[in-house]
N, C-alpha and C. Protein backbone atom coordinates (compact mmCIF):
# COMPACT_ATOMS: atom_id res chain seq x y z
N MET A 1 0.92 -1.29 -0.06
CA MET A 1 -0.07 0.02 -0.03
C MET A 1 0.85 1.14 0.00
N PRO A 2 0.80 2.04 -1.10
CA PRO A 2 1.81 3.17 -1.12
C PRO A 2 1.35 4.26 -0.51
N THR A 3 2.19 5.37 -0.37
CA THR A 3 1.86 6.51 0.23
C THR A 3 1.12 7.37 -0.91
N HIS A 4 0.00 8.03 -0.64
CA HIS A 4 -0.97 8.81 -1.30
C HIS A 4 -0.38 10.36 -1.22
N VAL A 5 0.01 10.83 -2.36
CA VAL A 5 0.45 12.42 -2.06
C VAL A 5 -0.52 13.20 -3.11
N TYR A 6 -1.39 14.09 -2.32
CA TYR A 6 -2.23 14.90 -3.20
C TYR A 6 -1.58 16.46 -3.22
N PHE A 7 -1.83 16.86 -4.50
CA PHE A 7 -1.44 18.23 -4.87
C PHE A 7 -2.69 19.21 -5.22
N ASP A 8 -2.42 20.25 -4.61
CA ASP A 8 -3.35 21.43 -5.15
C ASP A 8 -2.97 21.85 -6.46
N LEU A 9 -3.86 22.33 -7.11
CA LEU A 9 -3.61 22.86 -8.79
C LEU A 9 -3.13 24.34 -8.71
N ASP A 10 -3.98 25.29 -8.39
CA ASP A 10 -3.77 26.74 -8.46
C ASP A 10 -3.00 27.25 -7.40
N GLY A 11 -1.67 27.67 -7.88
CA GLY A 11 -0.53 28.25 -6.80
C GLY A 11 0.34 27.08 -6.48
N THR A 12 0.15 25.87 -6.89
CA THR A 12 0.95 24.68 -6.49
C THR A 12 1.68 23.99 -7.67
N LEU A 13 0.74 23.72 -8.53
CA LEU A 13 1.29 23.35 -9.93
C LEU A 13 1.36 24.19 -10.67
N THR A 14 0.65 25.28 -11.07
CA THR A 14 0.32 26.15 -11.92
C THR A 14 0.14 27.48 -11.19
N ASP A 15 0.60 28.55 -11.98
CA ASP A 15 0.36 29.98 -11.49
C ASP A 15 -0.94 30.32 -12.40
N PRO A 16 -2.11 30.60 -11.63
CA PRO A 16 -3.35 30.89 -12.48
C PRO A 16 -3.62 32.24 -12.50
N PHE A 17 -2.81 33.26 -11.92
CA PHE A 17 -3.30 34.50 -11.51
C PHE A 17 -3.99 35.05 -12.81
N GLU A 18 -3.42 35.21 -13.96
CA GLU A 18 -3.94 35.95 -15.02
C GLU A 18 -5.25 35.43 -15.52
N GLY A 19 -5.27 33.92 -15.63
CA GLY A 19 -6.72 33.53 -15.93
C GLY A 19 -7.65 33.88 -14.94
N ILE A 20 -7.33 33.68 -13.59
CA ILE A 20 -8.49 33.70 -12.60
C ILE A 20 -8.96 35.10 -12.49
N THR A 21 -8.00 36.26 -12.49
CA THR A 21 -8.31 37.45 -12.34
C THR A 21 -9.03 38.14 -13.34
N LYS A 22 -8.68 37.74 -14.60
CA LYS A 22 -9.05 38.37 -15.57
C LYS A 22 -10.70 37.91 -15.62
N CYS A 23 -10.86 36.46 -15.33
CA CYS A 23 -12.18 35.80 -15.34
C CYS A 23 -13.37 36.59 -14.24
N ILE A 24 -12.53 36.83 -13.11
CA ILE A 24 -13.40 37.55 -12.05
C ILE A 24 -13.59 39.08 -12.40
N LEU A 25 -12.91 39.53 -12.95
CA LEU A 25 -12.96 41.02 -13.57
C LEU A 25 -14.18 40.99 -14.56
N TYR A 26 -14.15 39.89 -15.30
CA TYR A 26 -14.87 39.92 -16.58
C TYR A 26 -16.60 39.79 -16.08
N ALA A 27 -16.54 38.81 -15.13
CA ALA A 27 -17.86 38.57 -14.42
C ALA A 27 -18.50 40.02 -13.47
N ILE A 28 -17.62 40.55 -13.07
CA ILE A 28 -18.36 41.58 -12.16
C ILE A 28 -18.47 42.64 -13.22
N GLU A 29 -17.58 42.98 -14.12
CA GLU A 29 -18.08 43.83 -14.88
C GLU A 29 -19.22 44.02 -15.74
N LYS A 30 -19.72 42.33 -16.14
CA LYS A 30 -20.77 42.17 -16.88
C LYS A 30 -21.99 42.45 -15.86
N LEU A 31 -21.77 42.21 -14.71
CA LEU A 31 -22.79 42.43 -13.64
C LEU A 31 -22.88 43.96 -13.12
N GLY A 32 -22.04 44.71 -13.55
CA GLY A 32 -22.10 46.21 -13.08
C GLY A 32 -21.46 46.54 -11.84
N PHE A 33 -20.67 45.61 -11.30
CA PHE A 33 -19.94 45.98 -9.90
C PHE A 33 -18.72 46.55 -10.23
N PRO A 34 -18.10 47.40 -9.06
CA PRO A 34 -16.61 47.79 -9.22
C PRO A 34 -15.56 47.00 -9.29
N GLN A 35 -14.76 47.19 -9.98
CA GLN A 35 -13.30 46.41 -9.70
C GLN A 35 -12.78 46.41 -8.45
N PRO A 36 -12.49 45.24 -7.77
CA PRO A 36 -11.83 45.16 -6.70
C PRO A 36 -10.14 45.41 -6.92
N THR A 37 -9.52 45.61 -5.62
CA THR A 37 -8.13 46.32 -5.80
C THR A 37 -7.39 45.11 -5.99
N ASP A 38 -6.19 45.33 -6.55
CA ASP A 38 -5.39 44.26 -7.03
C ASP A 38 -4.94 43.14 -5.72
N GLU A 39 -4.92 43.86 -4.56
CA GLU A 39 -4.57 43.00 -3.48
C GLU A 39 -5.90 42.03 -3.18
N TYR A 40 -7.10 42.47 -3.20
CA TYR A 40 -8.12 41.52 -3.34
C TYR A 40 -8.16 40.50 -4.21
N LEU A 41 -7.89 40.69 -5.31
CA LEU A 41 -7.97 39.73 -6.36
C LEU A 41 -6.70 38.63 -6.19
N TYR A 42 -5.71 39.27 -5.47
CA TYR A 42 -4.57 38.27 -5.13
C TYR A 42 -5.15 37.26 -4.28
N SER A 43 -5.79 37.58 -3.20
CA SER A 43 -6.46 37.03 -2.09
C SER A 43 -7.34 36.10 -2.73
N CYS A 44 -7.96 35.97 -3.82
CA CYS A 44 -8.88 35.18 -4.41
C CYS A 44 -8.35 33.89 -4.92
N ILE A 45 -7.02 33.78 -5.14
CA ILE A 45 -6.38 32.57 -5.62
C ILE A 45 -6.55 31.61 -4.67
N GLY A 46 -7.24 30.63 -4.80
CA GLY A 46 -7.14 29.36 -3.81
C GLY A 46 -8.36 29.08 -3.38
N PRO A 47 -9.30 30.05 -2.67
CA PRO A 47 -10.57 29.61 -2.26
C PRO A 47 -11.70 29.50 -3.65
N PRO A 48 -12.63 28.72 -2.95
CA PRO A 48 -13.64 28.44 -4.07
C PRO A 48 -14.56 29.83 -4.31
N LEU A 49 -14.67 29.68 -5.71
CA LEU A 49 -15.53 30.80 -6.24
C LEU A 49 -16.52 31.06 -5.29
N TYR A 50 -17.34 30.32 -4.98
CA TYR A 50 -18.53 30.36 -4.11
C TYR A 50 -18.12 31.14 -2.74
N ASP A 51 -17.11 31.00 -2.28
CA ASP A 51 -16.52 31.70 -1.26
C ASP A 51 -16.18 33.38 -1.47
N THR A 52 -15.55 33.39 -2.65
CA THR A 52 -15.10 34.64 -3.03
C THR A 52 -16.23 35.78 -3.46
N PHE A 53 -16.97 35.32 -4.54
CA PHE A 53 -17.98 36.05 -5.05
C PHE A 53 -18.84 36.70 -4.19
N PRO A 54 -19.36 36.14 -3.05
CA PRO A 54 -20.48 37.09 -2.43
C PRO A 54 -19.76 38.19 -1.83
N ASP A 55 -18.76 38.33 -1.56
CA ASP A 55 -18.17 39.45 -1.08
C ASP A 55 -18.29 40.60 -2.04
N MET A 56 -18.10 40.22 -3.36
CA MET A 56 -17.97 41.08 -4.26
C MET A 56 -19.50 41.24 -4.96
N VAL A 57 -20.17 40.69 -5.09
CA VAL A 57 -21.56 40.80 -5.80
C VAL A 57 -22.70 40.41 -5.00
N GLY A 58 -22.61 39.99 -3.90
CA GLY A 58 -23.69 39.44 -3.10
C GLY A 58 -23.81 38.20 -3.06
N GLU A 59 -24.75 37.54 -2.29
CA GLU A 59 -25.21 36.25 -2.22
C GLU A 59 -26.21 35.86 -3.46
N ASP A 60 -26.95 36.78 -3.49
CA ASP A 60 -27.95 36.50 -4.54
C ASP A 60 -27.44 36.44 -5.96
N MET A 61 -26.60 37.29 -6.23
CA MET A 61 -25.85 37.20 -7.69
C MET A 61 -24.70 36.27 -7.89
N THR A 62 -24.11 35.37 -6.92
CA THR A 62 -22.85 34.85 -6.91
C THR A 62 -23.12 33.67 -7.98
N LEU A 63 -24.09 32.71 -7.98
CA LEU A 63 -24.45 31.98 -9.02
C LEU A 63 -23.96 32.41 -10.65
N GLN A 64 -24.74 33.55 -10.82
CA GLN A 64 -24.65 34.24 -11.81
C GLN A 64 -23.49 34.66 -12.26
N ALA A 65 -22.54 35.17 -11.32
CA ALA A 65 -21.23 35.43 -11.03
C ALA A 65 -20.42 34.38 -11.77
N VAL A 66 -20.61 33.12 -11.16
CA VAL A 66 -20.00 32.16 -11.44
C VAL A 66 -20.19 31.67 -12.80
N ASP A 67 -21.28 31.81 -13.31
CA ASP A 67 -21.47 31.05 -14.74
C ASP A 67 -20.76 32.06 -15.67
N LEU A 68 -20.83 33.38 -15.44
CA LEU A 68 -20.05 34.35 -16.18
C LEU A 68 -18.34 34.00 -16.25
N TYR A 69 -18.09 33.94 -15.03
CA TYR A 69 -16.62 33.42 -14.58
C TYR A 69 -16.13 32.32 -15.60
N ARG A 70 -17.07 31.60 -15.43
CA ARG A 70 -16.68 30.20 -16.38
C ARG A 70 -16.96 30.33 -17.89
N GLU A 71 -17.83 31.46 -18.36
CA GLU A 71 -17.90 31.55 -19.66
C GLU A 71 -16.63 32.09 -20.30
N ARG A 72 -15.73 32.93 -19.66
CA ARG A 72 -14.81 33.36 -20.16
C ARG A 72 -13.44 32.19 -19.96
N PHE A 73 -13.76 31.69 -18.70
CA PHE A 73 -12.73 30.55 -18.26
C PHE A 73 -12.48 29.40 -19.15
N ASN A 74 -13.77 28.94 -19.64
CA ASN A 74 -14.05 28.06 -20.62
C ASN A 74 -13.31 28.18 -21.95
N GLU A 75 -13.39 29.17 -22.55
CA GLU A 75 -12.81 29.82 -23.54
C GLU A 75 -11.49 29.93 -23.80
N ILE A 76 -10.84 30.87 -22.69
CA ILE A 76 -9.58 31.21 -22.69
C ILE A 76 -8.90 31.31 -21.44
N GLY A 77 -9.49 31.23 -20.30
CA GLY A 77 -8.75 31.50 -18.92
C GLY A 77 -8.21 30.48 -18.54
N TRP A 78 -8.48 28.95 -18.95
CA TRP A 78 -7.94 27.91 -18.51
C TRP A 78 -6.39 27.87 -19.20
N LEU A 79 -6.41 28.52 -20.14
CA LEU A 79 -5.06 28.51 -20.98
C LEU A 79 -4.14 29.61 -20.26
N GLU A 80 -4.79 30.40 -19.50
CA GLU A 80 -3.80 31.56 -19.06
C GLU A 80 -3.01 30.92 -17.77
N ASN A 81 -2.64 29.55 -17.59
CA ASN A 81 -1.95 29.34 -16.59
C ASN A 81 -0.51 29.07 -17.04
N VAL A 82 0.54 29.13 -15.94
CA VAL A 82 1.71 28.81 -16.20
C VAL A 82 2.45 27.83 -15.43
N PRO A 83 2.86 26.83 -15.65
CA PRO A 83 3.44 25.80 -14.80
C PRO A 83 4.60 26.48 -14.08
N TYR A 84 4.71 26.16 -12.75
CA TYR A 84 5.95 26.64 -11.93
C TYR A 84 7.13 26.10 -12.54
N GLU A 85 8.20 27.07 -12.62
CA GLU A 85 9.37 26.67 -13.04
C GLU A 85 9.93 25.44 -12.01
N GLY A 86 10.18 24.38 -12.75
CA GLY A 86 10.82 23.18 -12.00
C GLY A 86 9.62 22.15 -11.73
N ILE A 87 8.49 22.47 -11.79
CA ILE A 87 7.52 21.39 -11.30
C ILE A 87 7.57 20.26 -12.06
N HIS A 88 7.63 19.95 -13.33
CA HIS A 88 7.72 19.14 -14.22
C HIS A 88 8.96 17.93 -13.62
N ASP A 89 10.00 18.53 -13.33
CA ASP A 89 11.08 17.89 -12.75
C ASP A 89 10.83 17.40 -11.27
N ALA A 90 10.19 18.26 -10.52
CA ALA A 90 9.75 17.58 -9.33
C ALA A 90 8.82 16.60 -9.24
N LEU A 91 7.77 16.77 -10.26
CA LEU A 91 6.92 15.70 -10.25
C LEU A 91 7.45 14.13 -10.73
N ALA A 92 8.37 14.26 -11.60
CA ALA A 92 9.26 13.24 -12.02
C ALA A 92 9.92 12.41 -11.07
N THR A 93 10.36 13.27 -10.27
CA THR A 93 11.49 12.94 -9.15
C THR A 93 10.59 12.11 -8.03
N ILE A 94 9.44 12.82 -7.78
CA ILE A 94 8.63 12.23 -6.69
C ILE A 94 7.96 10.99 -7.38
N ALA A 95 7.46 10.88 -8.52
CA ALA A 95 7.06 9.77 -9.23
C ALA A 95 7.92 8.52 -9.13
N ASP A 96 9.09 8.96 -9.09
CA ASP A 96 10.05 7.59 -9.26
C ASP A 96 10.36 6.90 -7.75
N THR A 97 9.97 7.47 -7.01
CA THR A 97 9.83 6.82 -5.59
C THR A 97 8.89 6.07 -5.14
N GLY A 98 7.95 6.01 -6.20
CA GLY A 98 6.66 4.80 -6.19
C GLY A 98 5.43 5.36 -5.33
N VAL A 99 5.43 6.69 -4.92
CA VAL A 99 4.42 7.06 -4.21
C VAL A 99 3.24 7.06 -5.31
N ALA A 100 1.82 7.20 -4.90
CA ALA A 100 0.78 7.50 -5.85
C ALA A 100 0.44 8.95 -5.81
N MET A 101 0.12 9.51 -6.85
CA MET A 101 -0.08 10.99 -6.73
C MET A 101 -1.34 11.11 -7.28
N TYR A 102 -2.09 12.52 -6.54
CA TYR A 102 -3.17 12.70 -7.12
C TYR A 102 -3.33 14.15 -7.43
N VAL A 103 -4.37 14.89 -7.92
CA VAL A 103 -4.61 16.36 -7.90
C VAL A 103 -5.93 16.43 -7.14
N ALA A 104 -5.99 17.34 -6.09
CA ALA A 104 -7.02 17.74 -5.38
C ALA A 104 -7.26 19.18 -5.17
N THR A 105 -8.19 19.61 -6.08
CA THR A 105 -8.62 21.17 -6.00
C THR A 105 -9.74 21.58 -5.95
N SER A 106 -10.14 22.95 -5.74
CA SER A 106 -11.45 23.19 -5.57
C SER A 106 -12.09 23.62 -6.85
N LYS A 107 -11.17 23.51 -8.17
CA LYS A 107 -11.66 23.99 -9.28
C LYS A 107 -12.69 22.89 -9.74
N PRO A 108 -13.51 23.03 -10.61
CA PRO A 108 -14.26 22.01 -11.20
C PRO A 108 -13.34 20.86 -11.97
N ARG A 109 -13.67 19.60 -11.50
CA ARG A 109 -13.00 18.33 -11.92
C ARG A 109 -12.71 18.41 -13.36
N ILE A 110 -13.63 18.83 -14.11
CA ILE A 110 -13.42 18.38 -15.81
C ILE A 110 -12.41 19.69 -15.88
N ALA A 111 -12.39 20.82 -15.21
CA ALA A 111 -11.41 21.82 -15.64
C ALA A 111 -10.22 21.70 -15.48
N ALA A 112 -9.91 21.07 -14.14
CA ALA A 112 -8.83 20.96 -13.51
C ALA A 112 -8.07 19.69 -14.54
N LYS A 113 -8.47 18.82 -14.70
CA LYS A 113 -8.32 17.58 -15.63
C LYS A 113 -7.57 18.12 -17.04
N ARG A 114 -8.58 19.05 -17.60
CA ARG A 114 -7.93 19.72 -19.00
C ARG A 114 -6.82 20.55 -18.94
N ILE A 115 -6.55 21.40 -17.44
CA ILE A 115 -5.40 21.97 -17.31
C ILE A 115 -4.33 20.94 -17.35
N VAL A 116 -4.39 19.91 -16.43
CA VAL A 116 -3.27 19.00 -16.13
C VAL A 116 -2.83 18.43 -17.39
N GLU A 117 -3.86 17.88 -18.03
CA GLU A 117 -3.42 17.20 -19.51
C GLU A 117 -2.84 18.23 -20.31
N HIS A 118 -3.11 19.17 -20.47
CA HIS A 118 -2.84 20.45 -21.61
C HIS A 118 -1.39 20.60 -21.17
N PHE A 119 -0.99 21.06 -19.83
CA PHE A 119 0.31 21.29 -19.48
C PHE A 119 1.31 20.02 -19.24
N GLU A 120 1.11 18.67 -19.60
CA GLU A 120 1.51 17.70 -19.67
C GLU A 120 2.01 17.14 -18.48
N MET A 121 1.09 17.28 -17.55
CA MET A 121 1.33 16.68 -16.25
C MET A 121 0.54 15.44 -15.93
N GLY A 122 -0.41 15.11 -16.87
CA GLY A 122 -1.27 14.01 -16.66
C GLY A 122 -0.59 12.66 -16.29
N ARG A 123 0.43 12.34 -16.90
CA ARG A 123 1.17 11.27 -16.82
C ARG A 123 1.67 10.80 -15.26
N TYR A 124 1.57 11.90 -14.48
CA TYR A 124 2.11 11.82 -12.96
C TYR A 124 1.10 11.65 -12.10
N PHE A 125 -0.23 11.57 -12.43
CA PHE A 125 -1.34 11.45 -11.37
C PHE A 125 -2.33 10.41 -11.85
N GLU A 126 -2.57 9.70 -10.84
CA GLU A 126 -3.55 8.60 -10.78
C GLU A 126 -4.86 8.93 -11.30
N ARG A 127 -5.30 10.33 -10.58
CA ARG A 127 -6.56 10.73 -10.81
C ARG A 127 -6.59 12.26 -10.35
N VAL A 128 -7.43 12.80 -10.91
CA VAL A 128 -7.94 14.24 -10.59
C VAL A 128 -9.00 14.39 -9.62
N PHE A 129 -8.97 15.13 -8.62
CA PHE A 129 -10.20 15.24 -8.06
C PHE A 129 -10.46 16.70 -7.68
N GLY A 130 -11.72 16.98 -7.95
CA GLY A 130 -12.13 18.55 -8.00
C GLY A 130 -13.54 18.50 -7.74
N CYS A 131 -14.15 19.98 -7.49
CA CYS A 131 -15.53 19.72 -7.38
C CYS A 131 -16.34 19.69 -8.56
N GLU A 132 -17.89 19.65 -8.30
CA GLU A 132 -18.66 19.41 -9.30
C GLU A 132 -19.28 20.81 -9.90
N LEU A 133 -19.50 20.99 -10.74
CA LEU A 133 -20.06 22.18 -11.55
C LEU A 133 -20.94 22.97 -10.49
N ASP A 134 -21.70 21.92 -9.93
CA ASP A 134 -22.88 23.09 -9.11
C ASP A 134 -22.07 23.32 -7.54
N GLY A 135 -20.72 23.06 -7.52
CA GLY A 135 -20.09 23.25 -6.35
C GLY A 135 -19.84 22.29 -5.40
N THR A 136 -20.62 21.20 -5.55
CA THR A 136 -20.28 20.10 -4.58
C THR A 136 -18.82 19.82 -4.52
N ARG A 137 -18.39 19.49 -3.37
CA ARG A 137 -17.00 19.43 -2.58
C ARG A 137 -15.97 20.49 -3.13
N ALA A 138 -16.62 21.47 -3.36
CA ALA A 138 -15.81 22.81 -3.48
C ALA A 138 -14.71 22.97 -2.35
N ASN A 139 -15.30 22.80 -1.10
CA ASN A 139 -14.68 22.84 0.31
C ASN A 139 -13.60 21.58 0.28
N LYS A 140 -12.47 22.15 0.65
CA LYS A 140 -11.23 21.20 0.73
C LYS A 140 -11.25 19.99 1.80
N VAL A 141 -12.14 20.22 2.85
CA VAL A 141 -12.37 19.38 3.75
C VAL A 141 -13.21 18.23 3.27
N GLU A 142 -14.28 18.71 2.47
CA GLU A 142 -15.20 17.79 1.88
C GLU A 142 -14.61 17.01 0.84
N LEU A 143 -13.81 17.92 -0.02
CA LEU A 143 -13.02 17.07 -1.15
C LEU A 143 -11.92 15.91 -0.82
N LEU A 144 -11.29 16.30 0.45
CA LEU A 144 -10.45 15.27 0.64
C LEU A 144 -10.98 14.18 1.39
N LYS A 145 -12.06 14.35 2.03
CA LYS A 145 -12.61 13.14 2.41
C LYS A 145 -13.33 12.27 1.60
N TYR A 146 -13.65 12.77 0.50
CA TYR A 146 -14.09 12.01 -0.86
C TYR A 146 -13.10 11.37 -1.28
N ALA A 147 -11.88 12.10 -1.28
CA ALA A 147 -10.50 11.28 -2.17
C ALA A 147 -10.09 10.21 -1.15
N VAL A 148 -10.22 10.44 -0.02
CA VAL A 148 -9.75 9.28 1.13
C VAL A 148 -10.92 8.11 0.87
N ASP A 149 -12.08 8.61 0.92
CA ASP A 149 -12.83 7.50 0.82
C ASP A 149 -12.76 6.56 -0.47
N GLU A 150 -12.52 7.23 -1.59
CA GLU A 150 -11.85 6.73 -2.89
C GLU A 150 -10.64 5.94 -3.01
N ASN A 151 -9.94 6.46 -1.99
CA ASN A 151 -8.46 5.61 -2.02
C ASN A 151 -8.08 4.97 -0.65
N ALA A 152 -8.80 4.19 -0.19
CA ALA A 152 -8.50 3.65 1.08
C ALA A 152 -7.23 2.87 1.19
N ASP A 153 -6.75 2.49 0.14
CA ASP A 153 -5.44 1.56 0.41
C ASP A 153 -4.14 2.60 0.45
N ALA A 154 -3.70 3.33 1.67
CA ALA A 154 -2.73 3.97 1.66
C ALA A 154 -1.90 3.94 3.24
N THR A 155 -0.86 3.69 2.98
CA THR A 155 0.08 3.63 4.43
C THR A 155 0.13 4.94 4.92
N LYS A 156 0.07 6.14 4.09
CA LYS A 156 0.21 7.54 4.69
C LYS A 156 -0.30 8.21 3.24
N ARG A 157 -0.68 9.50 3.98
CA ARG A 157 -1.17 10.62 2.95
C ARG A 157 -0.62 11.71 3.23
N ILE A 158 -0.53 12.45 2.24
CA ILE A 158 0.23 14.04 2.19
C ILE A 158 -0.56 14.90 1.27
N MET A 159 -0.99 15.95 1.92
CA MET A 159 -1.37 16.94 0.88
C MET A 159 -0.48 18.31 0.97
N ILE A 160 -0.31 18.61 -0.49
CA ILE A 160 0.75 19.77 -0.59
C ILE A 160 -0.28 20.81 -1.46
N GLY A 161 -0.03 22.10 -0.58
CA GLY A 161 -0.93 23.23 -1.28
C GLY A 161 -0.29 24.33 -0.69
N ASP A 162 -1.08 25.54 -1.40
CA ASP A 162 -0.18 27.14 -0.97
C ASP A 162 -1.24 27.86 -0.14
N ARG A 163 -2.48 27.36 0.27
CA ARG A 163 -3.28 28.06 0.96
C ARG A 163 -3.66 27.38 2.44
N LYS A 164 -4.34 27.92 3.35
CA LYS A 164 -4.70 27.51 4.43
C LYS A 164 -5.72 26.49 4.33
N HIS A 165 -6.48 26.66 3.21
CA HIS A 165 -7.72 25.89 2.88
C HIS A 165 -7.22 24.46 2.70
N ASP A 166 -6.10 24.37 2.03
CA ASP A 166 -5.66 22.83 1.52
C ASP A 166 -5.08 22.13 2.92
N LEU A 167 -4.24 22.97 3.73
CA LEU A 167 -3.76 22.20 5.09
C LEU A 167 -4.93 22.03 5.99
N ILE A 168 -6.05 23.08 6.15
CA ILE A 168 -7.06 22.97 7.23
C ILE A 168 -7.70 21.51 6.43
N GLY A 169 -7.93 21.47 5.29
CA GLY A 169 -8.58 20.08 4.82
C GLY A 169 -7.93 18.86 4.89
N ALA A 170 -6.67 18.94 5.01
CA ALA A 170 -5.81 17.85 5.04
C ALA A 170 -5.66 17.36 6.50
N THR A 171 -5.61 18.17 7.52
CA THR A 171 -5.79 17.96 8.91
C THR A 171 -6.95 17.46 9.30
N ALA A 172 -8.01 17.81 8.73
CA ALA A 172 -9.43 17.45 9.09
C ALA A 172 -9.71 15.94 8.88
N ASN A 173 -8.88 15.46 7.89
CA ASN A 173 -8.94 14.24 6.95
C ASN A 173 -7.66 13.11 7.63
N GLY A 174 -7.06 13.54 8.46
CA GLY A 174 -5.65 12.69 8.89
C GLY A 174 -4.55 12.65 7.80
N ILE A 175 -4.67 13.77 6.90
CA ILE A 175 -3.48 13.87 5.95
C ILE A 175 -2.42 14.79 6.69
N ALA A 176 -1.24 14.31 6.17
CA ALA A 176 0.18 15.17 6.74
C ALA A 176 0.23 16.43 5.69
N PRO A 177 -0.20 17.90 6.54
CA PRO A 177 -0.11 19.05 5.44
C PRO A 177 1.14 19.47 5.37
N VAL A 178 1.49 19.96 4.15
CA VAL A 178 2.63 20.45 3.58
C VAL A 178 2.48 21.70 2.83
N GLY A 179 2.80 22.78 3.04
CA GLY A 179 2.81 24.10 2.41
C GLY A 179 3.76 24.43 1.26
N VAL A 180 3.32 25.13 0.38
CA VAL A 180 4.35 25.77 -0.68
C VAL A 180 4.25 27.23 -0.52
N SER A 181 5.57 27.90 -0.54
CA SER A 181 5.58 29.35 -0.18
C SER A 181 5.55 29.91 -1.51
N TYR A 182 5.90 29.33 -2.78
CA TYR A 182 5.92 29.92 -3.89
C TYR A 182 4.84 30.11 -4.40
N GLY A 183 3.63 29.92 -3.83
CA GLY A 183 2.24 30.15 -4.45
C GLY A 183 1.80 31.25 -3.72
N TYR A 184 0.23 31.46 -3.10
CA TYR A 184 -0.11 32.53 -2.77
C TYR A 184 -0.38 32.52 -1.33
N GLY A 185 -0.03 31.64 -0.51
CA GLY A 185 -0.13 31.78 0.86
C GLY A 185 1.09 32.08 1.46
N SER A 186 0.97 33.25 2.46
CA SER A 186 2.20 33.32 3.11
C SER A 186 2.72 32.42 4.09
N HIS A 187 4.17 32.50 4.46
CA HIS A 187 4.48 31.66 5.49
C HIS A 187 3.62 31.56 6.65
N GLU A 188 3.26 32.91 7.14
CA GLU A 188 2.34 32.95 8.48
C GLU A 188 1.05 32.39 8.35
N GLU A 189 0.61 32.44 7.05
CA GLU A 189 -0.85 31.65 6.86
C GLU A 189 -0.55 30.07 6.97
N LEU A 190 0.40 29.69 6.09
CA LEU A 190 0.73 28.19 6.14
C LEU A 190 0.91 27.47 7.50
N ASN A 191 1.87 28.35 8.26
CA ASN A 191 2.41 27.88 9.66
C ASN A 191 1.05 27.77 10.38
N ALA A 192 0.32 29.03 10.38
CA ALA A 192 -0.80 29.08 11.30
C ALA A 192 -1.92 27.86 10.98
N ALA A 193 -1.83 27.55 9.57
CA ALA A 193 -2.74 26.31 9.44
C ALA A 193 -2.28 25.02 9.65
N GLY A 194 -1.22 24.86 10.23
CA GLY A 194 -0.54 23.76 10.74
C GLY A 194 0.42 22.95 9.79
N ALA A 195 1.16 23.80 8.70
CA ALA A 195 2.02 23.03 7.75
C ALA A 195 3.36 22.19 8.45
N LEU A 196 3.40 20.99 8.24
CA LEU A 196 4.38 20.32 8.68
C LEU A 196 5.94 20.79 8.16
N ALA A 197 5.80 21.17 6.86
CA ALA A 197 6.92 21.62 6.38
C ALA A 197 6.44 22.63 5.28
N ILE A 198 7.31 23.83 4.87
CA ILE A 198 6.99 24.48 3.81
C ILE A 198 7.96 24.48 2.65
N ALA A 199 7.96 23.96 1.34
CA ALA A 199 8.61 24.15 0.23
C ALA A 199 8.56 25.44 -0.15
N GLU A 200 10.04 25.99 -0.37
CA GLU A 200 10.40 27.29 -0.92
C GLU A 200 10.41 27.23 -2.68
N SER A 201 10.29 26.13 -3.05
CA SER A 201 10.53 25.91 -4.65
C SER A 201 9.88 24.50 -4.51
N PRO A 202 9.66 24.15 -6.11
CA PRO A 202 9.08 22.82 -6.27
C PRO A 202 10.44 21.79 -6.09
N ALA A 203 11.43 22.40 -6.20
CA ALA A 203 12.71 21.29 -5.88
C ALA A 203 12.55 20.78 -4.63
N ASP A 204 11.78 21.48 -3.67
CA ASP A 204 12.05 21.02 -2.40
C ASP A 204 11.22 19.88 -1.82
N LEU A 205 10.21 19.79 -2.66
CA LEU A 205 9.19 18.86 -2.66
C LEU A 205 9.58 17.30 -2.31
N SER A 206 10.29 16.64 -3.13
CA SER A 206 10.61 15.60 -2.90
C SER A 206 11.46 15.13 -1.67
N GLU A 207 12.34 15.82 -1.06
CA GLU A 207 12.93 16.00 0.21
C GLU A 207 12.14 16.02 1.18
N ILE A 208 10.88 16.76 1.01
CA ILE A 208 9.91 16.95 2.42
C ILE A 208 9.34 15.73 2.24
N ILE A 209 8.67 15.41 1.02
CA ILE A 209 8.19 13.98 1.12
C ILE A 209 8.74 12.94 1.63
N ALA A 210 9.86 12.85 1.25
CA ALA A 210 10.85 11.65 1.79
C ALA A 210 10.88 11.61 3.32
N ALA A 211 10.89 12.87 3.90
CA ALA A 211 11.14 12.95 5.28
C ALA A 211 9.92 12.60 6.26
N ILE A 212 8.82 12.91 5.52
CA ILE A 212 7.49 12.69 6.12
C ILE A 212 6.99 11.18 5.88
N VAL A 213 7.43 10.64 4.84
CA VAL A 213 7.30 8.86 4.46
C VAL A 213 8.10 8.33 5.40
C-alpha cells in the first residue's frame, strides 16, 4: 500500500493569476459591480469561487457571477496558466519514489483535468479530484474526505498546497499538511494552518515528502 500524495492545482502546480483575475473582472464588469483592488484579487487565488464572489456581488448574484466567470474561463482563461518553473522535474522525481500521486483542487474536476493534461502533467497523476459544476465538494475538507474514501489503500497520505484551505482540509482528514511558499499563501498563513513543512520551490518537495514518509 503506497503513500498517497495529493497536490493542489492553483498556486502549487501552476500559476493561475492571469486567468483567474481576468475571469473575475469579466464577471463583475458584466454584472455592473466595481473592480476590486489588486490586493483583493490576489487573495482570491485558492478559495472556491462560491466563497469569494459573495463579497463582491452579494449572495443573490453569486451563481450568476460564477456562470459568467466560467464563460470566459472555458474559452480562454484555462489557458492563462503557467506551470511553475521546475514543477515537471519535481513531479518526475517524486513519481520515481513509488508514491501514488493525485490532484485535489477546488476547481471543477473537468476544468482541472483539462489543465493538467494540457500542461503535460497528466502522466504523473492517478486521478484528478475536483468539485462538481454545482459546487459540490468545493470545500477542501469535503473534497479530501471524498478522495480518502475513494482511495482507502494508503499507508500514509500527504497534501501539498499553497493556502490554508489545503492544509485545514488535510488535517481534518488525517492527512499530513505540507505548504508551498511559492504560491499565494504566506509563511504565516501556512504555519498557522499547521504546515509540517514548507517548500520554498518545487525542487524542495521530494525531500520533504521523503522525510514525512
